[in-house]
């Protein structure tokens, strides 16, 4: 691999749960949870017990959905409606087995061996810039070759994905270079 590009990488799934809650991609919690269950089947029962019937329904519908199906996955809903105890998903991520598994999945834990171009819009409404800053900082501390470009984009149409997508255009040009 000669190099890699990462545009608005969701470095922390905890951050993604914060930013995604109540957003256009709120039903995307199903993609994340289904991925965790697939990766860690030994914890499936513990993870699933968090969800009420509406939560189990969103997990089921997300199994066959792609990002273009987001309008069918309860956009702009709070994740509090999916949990047995009414707490948002992010609060459950601080408890086991979630906490250890989320920490294991954080980008930045492994140092890339090829140079990486990372692009991030400061007004990203799906991926928190603080998580990307942390990821890049970890990589730099371990000797990775990283070019980090932050695009100063003010927040607009929050929770819609506008701030996430707008940084794509300059990143494509610079990333190709």
N, C-alpha and C. Protein backbone atom coordinates (compact mmCIF):
# COMPACT_ATOMS: atom_id res chain seq x y z
N UNK A 1 0.86 -1.18 0.00
CA UNK A 1 0.00 0.00 0.00
C UNK A 1 0.90 1.23 0.00
N UNK A 2 0.71 2.08 -1.00
CA UNK A 2 1.52 3.29 -1.12
C UNK A 2 1.02 4.40 -0.22
N UNK A 3 -0.25 4.41 0.06
CA UNK A 3 -0.83 5.45 0.89
C UNK A 3 -2.31 5.22 1.04
N UNK A 4 -2.91 5.92 1.98
CA UNK A 4 -4.34 5.76 2.24
C UNK A 4 -4.96 7.13 2.48
N UNK A 5 -6.24 7.20 2.25
CA UNK A 5 -6.99 8.42 2.53
C UNK A 5 -8.17 8.08 3.42
N UNK A 6 -8.44 8.94 4.37
CA UNK A 6 -9.57 8.74 5.28
C UNK A 6 -10.31 10.06 5.42
N UNK A 7 -11.53 10.10 4.95
CA UNK A 7 -12.34 11.30 5.06
C UNK A 7 -13.35 11.16 6.17
N UNK A 8 -13.27 12.04 7.15
CA UNK A 8 -14.17 12.01 8.31
C UNK A 8 -14.29 10.61 8.90
N UNK A 9 -13.16 9.99 9.26
CA UNK A 9 -13.24 8.63 9.79
C UNK A 9 -13.89 8.62 11.18
N UNK A 10 -14.87 7.76 11.39
CA UNK A 10 -15.50 7.68 12.71
C UNK A 10 -14.56 6.99 13.69
N UNK A 11 -13.64 7.75 14.21
CA UNK A 11 -12.56 7.21 15.03
C UNK A 11 -13.06 6.56 16.32
N UNK A 12 -14.11 7.10 16.86
CA UNK A 12 -14.66 6.57 18.12
C UNK A 12 -16.13 6.26 17.94
N UNK A 13 -16.51 5.03 18.18
CA UNK A 13 -17.92 4.66 18.07
C UNK A 13 -18.75 5.33 19.17
N UNK A 14 -18.11 5.66 20.26
CA UNK A 14 -18.80 6.42 21.31
C UNK A 14 -19.18 7.80 20.78
N UNK A 15 -18.23 8.45 20.12
CA UNK A 15 -18.51 9.76 19.52
C UNK A 15 -19.61 9.64 18.46
N UNK A 16 -19.56 8.57 17.70
CA UNK A 16 -20.56 8.35 16.65
C UNK A 16 -21.95 8.20 17.27
N UNK A 17 -22.03 7.55 18.41
CA UNK A 17 -23.32 7.39 19.10
C UNK A 17 -23.84 8.73 19.59
N UNK A 18 -22.94 9.61 20.01
CA UNK A 18 -23.34 10.95 20.46
C UNK A 18 -23.85 11.76 19.28
N UNK A 19 -23.05 11.84 18.23
CA UNK A 19 -23.41 12.67 17.08
C UNK A 19 -24.59 12.10 16.30
N UNK A 20 -24.69 10.79 16.23
CA UNK A 20 -25.74 10.16 15.44
C UNK A 20 -27.10 10.14 16.10
N UNK A 21 -27.13 10.24 17.41
CA UNK A 21 -28.40 10.17 18.13
C UNK A 21 -29.30 11.34 17.72
N UNK A 22 -30.49 11.03 17.24
CA UNK A 22 -31.42 12.07 16.83
C UNK A 22 -31.12 12.68 15.47
N UNK A 23 -30.21 12.07 14.74
CA UNK A 23 -29.82 12.59 13.43
C UNK A 23 -30.51 11.82 12.31
N UNK A 24 -30.23 12.23 11.10
CA UNK A 24 -30.72 11.53 9.92
C UNK A 24 -30.30 10.07 9.94
N UNK A 25 -29.13 9.77 10.54
CA UNK A 25 -28.61 8.40 10.59
C UNK A 25 -28.85 7.71 11.93
N UNK A 26 -29.81 8.18 12.71
CA UNK A 26 -30.01 7.58 14.03
C UNK A 26 -30.33 6.10 13.95
N UNK A 27 -31.03 5.66 12.92
CA UNK A 27 -31.30 4.23 12.76
C UNK A 27 -30.07 3.43 12.42
N UNK A 28 -28.99 4.13 12.05
CA UNK A 28 -27.72 3.47 11.77
C UNK A 28 -27.13 2.78 12.99
N UNK A 29 -27.71 3.04 14.16
CA UNK A 29 -27.26 2.32 15.35
C UNK A 29 -27.39 0.82 15.10
N UNK A 30 -28.34 0.45 14.27
CA UNK A 30 -28.52 -0.95 13.92
C UNK A 30 -27.31 -1.53 13.21
N UNK A 31 -26.69 -0.75 12.33
CA UNK A 31 -25.49 -1.23 11.62
C UNK A 31 -24.36 -1.47 12.61
N UNK A 32 -24.19 -0.54 13.53
CA UNK A 32 -23.10 -0.65 14.50
C UNK A 32 -23.32 -1.83 15.43
N UNK A 33 -24.51 -1.94 15.99
CA UNK A 33 -24.80 -3.03 16.93
C UNK A 33 -24.73 -4.38 16.23
N UNK A 34 -25.29 -4.48 15.04
CA UNK A 34 -25.22 -5.74 14.30
C UNK A 34 -23.76 -6.12 14.01
N UNK A 35 -22.94 -5.12 13.73
CA UNK A 35 -21.52 -5.38 13.51
C UNK A 35 -20.84 -5.91 14.76
N UNK A 36 -21.18 -5.32 15.91
CA UNK A 36 -20.61 -5.79 17.17
C UNK A 36 -21.05 -7.22 17.47
N UNK A 37 -22.31 -7.52 17.24
CA UNK A 37 -22.82 -8.87 17.50
C UNK A 37 -22.13 -9.87 16.58
N UNK A 38 -21.90 -9.48 15.34
CA UNK A 38 -21.21 -10.36 14.40
C UNK A 38 -19.75 -10.57 14.81
N UNK A 39 -19.10 -9.50 15.24
CA UNK A 39 -17.68 -9.59 15.62
C UNK A 39 -17.47 -10.25 16.97
N UNK A 40 -18.43 -10.10 17.87
CA UNK A 40 -18.29 -10.61 19.23
C UNK A 40 -19.54 -11.43 19.61
N UNK A 41 -19.79 -12.54 18.93
CA UNK A 41 -21.02 -13.31 19.20
C UNK A 41 -21.12 -13.81 20.64
N UNK A 42 -19.99 -13.95 21.30
CA UNK A 42 -20.02 -14.41 22.69
C UNK A 42 -20.68 -13.39 23.62
N UNK A 43 -20.84 -12.14 23.15
CA UNK A 43 -21.47 -11.09 23.96
C UNK A 43 -22.85 -10.70 23.43
N UNK A 44 -23.36 -11.45 22.45
CA UNK A 44 -24.62 -11.08 21.80
C UNK A 44 -25.77 -10.94 22.79
N UNK A 45 -25.94 -11.92 23.67
CA UNK A 45 -27.06 -11.86 24.61
C UNK A 45 -26.98 -10.63 25.51
N UNK A 46 -25.76 -10.34 26.01
CA UNK A 46 -25.59 -9.16 26.87
C UNK A 46 -25.89 -7.88 26.12
N UNK A 47 -25.45 -7.80 24.86
CA UNK A 47 -25.69 -6.59 24.08
C UNK A 47 -27.16 -6.43 23.73
N UNK A 48 -27.80 -7.51 23.37
CA UNK A 48 -29.20 -7.44 22.94
C UNK A 48 -30.17 -7.14 24.08
N UNK A 49 -29.79 -7.47 25.32
CA UNK A 49 -30.71 -7.24 26.43
C UNK A 49 -30.97 -5.75 26.69
N UNK A 50 -30.16 -4.89 26.11
CA UNK A 50 -30.33 -3.44 26.23
C UNK A 50 -31.57 -2.97 25.45
N UNK A 51 -31.95 -3.71 24.42
CA UNK A 51 -32.94 -3.23 23.47
C UNK A 51 -34.36 -3.73 23.76
N UNK A 52 -35.31 -2.82 23.61
CA UNK A 52 -36.73 -3.15 23.72
C UNK A 52 -37.24 -3.60 22.35
N UNK A 53 -38.52 -3.91 22.19
CA UNK A 53 -39.02 -4.36 20.88
C UNK A 53 -38.74 -3.37 19.74
N UNK A 54 -38.85 -2.07 19.99
CA UNK A 54 -38.55 -1.09 18.93
C UNK A 54 -37.07 -1.14 18.56
N UNK A 55 -36.21 -1.35 19.55
CA UNK A 55 -34.78 -1.46 19.29
C UNK A 55 -34.44 -2.72 18.51
N UNK A 56 -35.06 -3.82 18.89
CA UNK A 56 -34.83 -5.08 18.16
C UNK A 56 -35.35 -4.97 16.73
N UNK A 57 -36.42 -4.21 16.55
CA UNK A 57 -36.96 -3.99 15.21
C UNK A 57 -35.96 -3.20 14.35
N UNK A 58 -35.37 -2.15 14.90
CA UNK A 58 -34.42 -1.35 14.12
C UNK A 58 -33.18 -2.18 13.79
N UNK A 59 -32.76 -3.05 14.71
CA UNK A 59 -31.63 -3.93 14.43
C UNK A 59 -31.97 -4.87 13.28
N UNK A 60 -33.17 -5.41 13.30
CA UNK A 60 -33.59 -6.32 12.24
C UNK A 60 -33.68 -5.62 10.89
N UNK A 61 -34.26 -4.43 10.86
CA UNK A 61 -34.39 -3.70 9.60
C UNK A 61 -33.04 -3.24 9.07
N UNK A 62 -32.10 -2.97 9.96
CA UNK A 62 -30.77 -2.51 9.54
C UNK A 62 -29.94 -3.62 8.91
N UNK A 63 -30.28 -4.87 9.21
CA UNK A 63 -29.50 -6.00 8.68
C UNK A 63 -29.38 -5.99 7.16
N UNK A 64 -30.42 -5.59 6.48
CA UNK A 64 -30.44 -5.61 5.02
C UNK A 64 -30.43 -4.21 4.42
N UNK A 65 -30.10 -3.22 5.20
CA UNK A 65 -30.16 -1.83 4.74
C UNK A 65 -28.75 -1.28 4.49
N UNK A 66 -28.67 -0.40 3.52
CA UNK A 66 -27.41 0.31 3.27
C UNK A 66 -27.64 1.78 3.59
N UNK A 67 -26.62 2.59 3.43
CA UNK A 67 -26.72 4.00 3.81
C UNK A 67 -27.83 4.72 3.04
N UNK A 68 -28.11 4.28 1.83
CA UNK A 68 -29.17 4.92 1.05
C UNK A 68 -30.56 4.56 1.57
N UNK A 69 -30.64 3.57 2.47
CA UNK A 69 -31.89 3.20 3.10
C UNK A 69 -32.13 3.94 4.42
N UNK A 70 -31.24 4.85 4.77
CA UNK A 70 -31.36 5.58 6.04
C UNK A 70 -32.73 6.22 6.24
N UNK A 71 -33.37 6.75 5.18
CA UNK A 71 -34.70 7.33 5.40
C UNK A 71 -35.75 6.32 5.88
N UNK A 72 -35.46 5.04 5.73
CA UNK A 72 -36.38 3.99 6.17
C UNK A 72 -36.09 3.50 7.58
N UNK A 73 -35.02 4.02 8.18
CA UNK A 73 -34.58 3.55 9.50
C UNK A 73 -34.81 4.59 10.58
N UNK A 74 -36.02 5.11 10.65
CA UNK A 74 -36.42 6.05 11.71
C UNK A 74 -35.49 7.24 11.86
N UNK A 75 -35.24 8.00 10.78
CA UNK A 75 -34.34 9.15 10.91
C UNK A 75 -34.84 10.15 11.96
N UNK A 76 -33.88 10.80 12.59
CA UNK A 76 -34.10 11.85 13.59
C UNK A 76 -34.74 11.33 14.87
N UNK A 77 -34.71 10.03 15.10
CA UNK A 77 -35.24 9.46 16.33
C UNK A 77 -34.17 9.46 17.41
N UNK A 78 -34.61 9.57 18.63
CA UNK A 78 -33.69 9.44 19.75
C UNK A 78 -33.50 7.96 20.05
N UNK A 79 -32.27 7.58 20.38
CA UNK A 79 -32.02 6.18 20.71
C UNK A 79 -32.65 5.79 22.04
N UNK A 80 -33.16 6.74 22.79
CA UNK A 80 -33.86 6.41 24.03
C UNK A 80 -35.10 5.57 23.76
N UNK A 81 -35.65 5.67 22.56
CA UNK A 81 -36.86 4.89 22.24
C UNK A 81 -36.53 3.43 21.92
N UNK A 82 -35.24 3.09 21.83
CA UNK A 82 -34.84 1.72 21.49
C UNK A 82 -34.38 0.90 22.70
N UNK A 83 -34.22 1.54 23.85
CA UNK A 83 -33.65 0.83 24.99
C UNK A 83 -34.71 0.47 26.04
N UNK A 84 -34.46 -0.62 26.73
CA UNK A 84 -35.38 -1.09 27.77
C UNK A 84 -35.53 -0.05 28.87
N UNK A 85 -34.44 0.58 29.26
CA UNK A 85 -34.49 1.52 30.38
C UNK A 85 -34.68 2.98 29.96
N UNK A 86 -34.80 3.25 28.66
CA UNK A 86 -35.03 4.61 28.19
C UNK A 86 -33.82 5.51 28.17
N UNK A 87 -32.65 4.94 28.47
CA UNK A 87 -31.42 5.74 28.37
C UNK A 87 -30.92 5.71 26.93
N UNK A 88 -30.18 6.76 26.52
CA UNK A 88 -29.62 6.73 25.17
C UNK A 88 -28.52 5.67 25.06
N UNK A 89 -28.33 5.20 23.86
CA UNK A 89 -27.32 4.15 23.60
C UNK A 89 -25.96 4.55 24.16
N UNK A 90 -25.57 5.80 24.02
CA UNK A 90 -24.23 6.21 24.44
C UNK A 90 -24.00 5.91 25.93
N UNK A 91 -25.02 5.99 26.75
CA UNK A 91 -24.84 5.68 28.18
C UNK A 91 -24.53 4.20 28.39
N UNK A 92 -25.06 3.34 27.57
CA UNK A 92 -24.79 1.91 27.68
C UNK A 92 -23.36 1.58 27.25
N UNK A 93 -22.79 2.43 26.40
CA UNK A 93 -21.43 2.17 25.90
C UNK A 93 -20.37 2.34 26.98
N UNK A 94 -20.73 2.90 28.12
CA UNK A 94 -19.80 3.03 29.25
C UNK A 94 -19.81 1.80 30.15
N UNK A 95 -20.71 0.87 29.86
CA UNK A 95 -20.85 -0.33 30.67
C UNK A 95 -20.34 -1.54 29.89
N UNK A 96 -19.95 -2.56 30.63
CA UNK A 96 -19.47 -3.79 29.99
C UNK A 96 -20.65 -4.63 29.49
N UNK A 97 -20.48 -5.33 28.41
CA UNK A 97 -19.25 -5.54 27.66
C UNK A 97 -18.94 -4.43 26.65
N UNK A 98 -19.89 -3.50 26.51
CA UNK A 98 -19.73 -2.45 25.50
C UNK A 98 -18.43 -1.66 25.66
N UNK A 99 -18.12 -1.21 26.86
CA UNK A 99 -16.98 -0.30 27.06
C UNK A 99 -15.67 -0.88 26.51
N UNK A 100 -15.38 -2.12 26.85
CA UNK A 100 -14.14 -2.74 26.37
C UNK A 100 -14.15 -2.93 24.86
N UNK A 101 -15.29 -3.33 24.32
CA UNK A 101 -15.38 -3.60 22.89
C UNK A 101 -15.28 -2.31 22.07
N UNK A 102 -15.92 -1.26 22.54
CA UNK A 102 -15.84 0.04 21.86
C UNK A 102 -14.40 0.55 21.91
N UNK A 103 -13.75 0.41 23.06
CA UNK A 103 -12.35 0.85 23.17
C UNK A 103 -11.45 0.07 22.22
N UNK A 104 -11.71 -1.22 22.08
CA UNK A 104 -10.92 -2.07 21.18
C UNK A 104 -11.07 -1.63 19.73
N UNK A 105 -12.22 -1.12 19.37
CA UNK A 105 -12.51 -0.75 17.98
C UNK A 105 -12.07 0.66 17.62
N UNK A 106 -11.57 1.43 18.56
CA UNK A 106 -11.19 2.81 18.26
C UNK A 106 -10.08 2.87 17.22
N UNK A 107 -10.31 3.72 16.22
CA UNK A 107 -9.25 3.96 15.24
C UNK A 107 -8.15 4.75 15.96
N UNK A 108 -6.95 4.45 15.65
CA UNK A 108 -5.82 5.07 16.33
C UNK A 108 -5.10 4.11 17.24
N UNK A 109 -5.74 2.98 17.55
CA UNK A 109 -5.11 1.97 18.39
C UNK A 109 -3.98 1.24 17.67
N UNK A 110 -4.05 1.17 16.37
CA UNK A 110 -3.01 0.52 15.57
C UNK A 110 -2.40 1.55 14.65
N UNK A 111 -1.10 1.51 14.53
CA UNK A 111 -0.39 2.48 13.72
C UNK A 111 -0.39 2.05 12.25
N UNK A 112 -0.84 2.93 11.36
CA UNK A 112 -0.79 2.58 9.94
C UNK A 112 0.66 2.51 9.45
N UNK A 113 0.93 1.56 8.57
CA UNK A 113 2.30 1.40 8.05
C UNK A 113 2.53 2.21 6.79
N UNK A 114 1.46 2.67 6.16
CA UNK A 114 1.59 3.51 4.96
C UNK A 114 1.22 4.94 5.33
N UNK A 115 1.68 5.91 4.57
CA UNK A 115 1.26 7.30 4.82
C UNK A 115 -0.26 7.43 4.68
N UNK A 116 -0.83 8.29 5.52
CA UNK A 116 -2.28 8.48 5.52
C UNK A 116 -2.62 9.96 5.40
N UNK A 117 -3.55 10.26 4.51
CA UNK A 117 -4.13 11.59 4.42
C UNK A 117 -5.48 11.53 5.13
N UNK A 118 -5.67 12.38 6.14
CA UNK A 118 -6.92 12.43 6.89
C UNK A 118 -7.55 13.80 6.67
N UNK A 119 -8.82 13.79 6.30
CA UNK A 119 -9.55 15.02 6.08
C UNK A 119 -10.76 15.06 7.02
N UNK A 120 -11.02 16.23 7.58
CA UNK A 120 -12.13 16.37 8.51
C UNK A 120 -12.69 17.79 8.44
N UNK A 121 -13.99 17.91 8.27
CA UNK A 121 -14.67 19.21 8.34
C UNK A 121 -14.93 19.52 9.82
N UNK A 122 -14.62 20.73 10.23
CA UNK A 122 -14.81 21.09 11.63
C UNK A 122 -16.28 21.14 12.02
N UNK A 123 -17.16 21.34 11.05
CA UNK A 123 -18.59 21.37 11.33
C UNK A 123 -19.29 20.06 11.04
N UNK A 124 -18.53 18.97 11.00
CA UNK A 124 -19.11 17.65 10.73
C UNK A 124 -20.15 17.33 11.79
N UNK A 125 -21.34 16.97 11.35
CA UNK A 125 -22.41 16.69 12.29
C UNK A 125 -22.63 15.20 12.54
N UNK A 126 -21.83 14.33 11.95
CA UNK A 126 -21.90 12.90 12.19
C UNK A 126 -20.64 12.37 12.88
N UNK A 127 -19.47 12.91 12.52
CA UNK A 127 -18.20 12.47 13.08
C UNK A 127 -17.59 13.64 13.84
N UNK A 128 -17.44 13.49 15.15
CA UNK A 128 -16.91 14.58 15.96
C UNK A 128 -15.43 14.79 15.67
N UNK A 129 -15.09 16.05 15.43
CA UNK A 129 -13.70 16.38 15.08
C UNK A 129 -12.75 16.03 16.23
N UNK A 130 -13.22 16.10 17.46
CA UNK A 130 -12.35 15.78 18.61
C UNK A 130 -11.86 14.34 18.54
N UNK A 131 -12.70 13.41 18.09
CA UNK A 131 -12.29 12.01 17.96
C UNK A 131 -11.26 11.82 16.88
N UNK A 132 -11.41 12.55 15.78
CA UNK A 132 -10.43 12.47 14.69
C UNK A 132 -9.12 13.08 15.15
N UNK A 133 -9.18 14.19 15.87
CA UNK A 133 -7.97 14.82 16.43
C UNK A 133 -7.21 13.81 17.31
N UNK A 134 -7.95 13.10 18.16
CA UNK A 134 -7.33 12.11 19.05
C UNK A 134 -6.68 11.00 18.25
N UNK A 135 -7.39 10.49 17.23
CA UNK A 135 -6.85 9.42 16.39
C UNK A 135 -5.55 9.86 15.72
N UNK A 136 -5.58 11.03 15.11
CA UNK A 136 -4.39 11.54 14.42
C UNK A 136 -3.25 11.73 15.43
N UNK A 137 -3.56 12.24 16.60
CA UNK A 137 -2.54 12.43 17.64
C UNK A 137 -1.89 11.12 18.04
N UNK A 138 -2.70 10.06 18.22
CA UNK A 138 -2.15 8.75 18.56
C UNK A 138 -1.23 8.25 17.46
N UNK A 139 -1.68 8.38 16.21
CA UNK A 139 -0.85 7.91 15.10
C UNK A 139 0.47 8.66 15.03
N UNK A 140 0.42 9.97 15.21
CA UNK A 140 1.65 10.76 15.14
C UNK A 140 2.61 10.39 16.27
N UNK A 141 2.07 10.14 17.46
CA UNK A 141 2.92 9.76 18.59
C UNK A 141 3.62 8.43 18.37
N UNK A 142 3.03 7.57 17.54
CA UNK A 142 3.64 6.26 17.29
C UNK A 142 4.46 6.23 16.00
N UNK A 143 4.68 7.41 15.41
CA UNK A 143 5.58 7.50 14.27
C UNK A 143 4.95 7.35 12.90
N UNK A 144 3.62 7.35 12.83
CA UNK A 144 2.97 7.24 11.52
C UNK A 144 3.18 8.53 10.71
N UNK A 145 3.16 8.37 9.41
CA UNK A 145 3.22 9.53 8.52
C UNK A 145 1.79 9.93 8.20
N UNK A 146 1.38 11.07 8.76
CA UNK A 146 0.00 11.52 8.62
C UNK A 146 -0.04 12.96 8.12
N UNK A 147 -0.83 13.20 7.11
CA UNK A 147 -1.15 14.56 6.68
C UNK A 147 -2.59 14.78 7.10
N UNK A 148 -2.80 15.75 7.96
CA UNK A 148 -4.14 15.99 8.51
C UNK A 148 -4.63 17.34 8.03
N UNK A 149 -5.74 17.33 7.31
CA UNK A 149 -6.33 18.56 6.82
C UNK A 149 -7.71 18.76 7.43
N UNK A 150 -7.83 19.83 8.20
CA UNK A 150 -9.14 20.18 8.77
C UNK A 150 -9.71 21.32 7.93
N UNK A 151 -10.93 21.14 7.49
CA UNK A 151 -11.61 22.16 6.70
C UNK A 151 -12.53 22.95 7.62
N UNK A 152 -12.28 24.25 7.68
CA UNK A 152 -13.03 25.12 8.57
C UNK A 152 -14.42 25.37 7.98
N UNK A 153 -15.35 24.50 8.33
CA UNK A 153 -16.71 24.56 7.82
C UNK A 153 -17.64 24.77 9.02
N UNK A 154 -18.37 25.88 9.03
CA UNK A 154 -19.28 26.10 10.17
C UNK A 154 -20.44 25.11 10.14
N UNK A 155 -20.99 24.80 11.31
CA UNK A 155 -22.13 23.89 11.36
C UNK A 155 -23.32 24.49 10.59
N UNK A 156 -24.00 23.65 9.83
CA UNK A 156 -25.20 24.06 9.11
C UNK A 156 -26.10 22.85 8.94
N UNK A 157 -27.39 23.04 9.09
CA UNK A 157 -28.35 21.96 8.94
C UNK A 157 -27.95 20.75 9.80
N UNK A 158 -27.63 21.02 11.06
CA UNK A 158 -27.12 19.96 11.94
C UNK A 158 -28.07 18.78 12.00
N UNK A 159 -27.47 17.64 12.21
CA UNK A 159 -28.13 16.33 12.31
C UNK A 159 -28.64 15.81 10.97
N UNK A 160 -28.31 16.50 9.87
CA UNK A 160 -28.76 16.06 8.55
C UNK A 160 -27.66 15.36 7.75
N UNK A 161 -26.42 15.56 8.15
CA UNK A 161 -25.29 15.02 7.40
C UNK A 161 -24.64 16.04 6.49
N UNK A 162 -25.22 17.23 6.40
CA UNK A 162 -24.66 18.27 5.54
C UNK A 162 -23.21 18.57 5.92
N UNK A 163 -22.96 18.75 7.21
CA UNK A 163 -21.61 19.06 7.67
C UNK A 163 -20.64 17.91 7.45
N UNK A 164 -21.16 16.71 7.37
CA UNK A 164 -20.33 15.53 7.12
C UNK A 164 -19.93 15.46 5.64
N UNK A 165 -20.87 15.77 4.78
CA UNK A 165 -20.65 15.63 3.34
C UNK A 165 -19.88 16.80 2.74
N UNK A 166 -20.07 18.01 3.26
CA UNK A 166 -19.49 19.20 2.64
C UNK A 166 -17.96 19.15 2.59
N UNK A 167 -17.34 18.51 3.56
CA UNK A 167 -15.88 18.38 3.56
C UNK A 167 -15.37 17.40 2.52
N UNK A 168 -16.27 16.62 1.95
CA UNK A 168 -15.88 15.62 0.96
C UNK A 168 -15.24 16.25 -0.28
N UNK A 169 -15.76 17.35 -0.72
CA UNK A 169 -15.32 17.91 -1.99
C UNK A 169 -13.86 18.37 -1.98
N UNK A 170 -13.42 19.20 -1.03
CA UNK A 170 -12.00 19.55 -1.02
C UNK A 170 -11.11 18.35 -0.66
N UNK A 171 -11.65 17.43 0.16
CA UNK A 171 -10.87 16.26 0.54
C UNK A 171 -10.58 15.36 -0.65
N UNK A 172 -11.52 15.25 -1.57
CA UNK A 172 -11.29 14.43 -2.76
C UNK A 172 -10.12 14.95 -3.57
N UNK A 173 -10.09 16.26 -3.74
CA UNK A 173 -9.01 16.87 -4.53
C UNK A 173 -7.66 16.69 -3.82
N UNK A 174 -7.61 17.06 -2.56
CA UNK A 174 -6.34 16.95 -1.82
C UNK A 174 -5.94 15.50 -1.59
N UNK A 175 -6.92 14.65 -1.33
CA UNK A 175 -6.63 13.23 -1.11
C UNK A 175 -6.02 12.56 -2.33
N UNK A 176 -6.49 12.95 -3.49
CA UNK A 176 -5.92 12.36 -4.73
C UNK A 176 -4.47 12.80 -4.90
N UNK A 177 -4.16 14.02 -4.52
CA UNK A 177 -2.77 14.49 -4.59
C UNK A 177 -1.88 13.69 -3.65
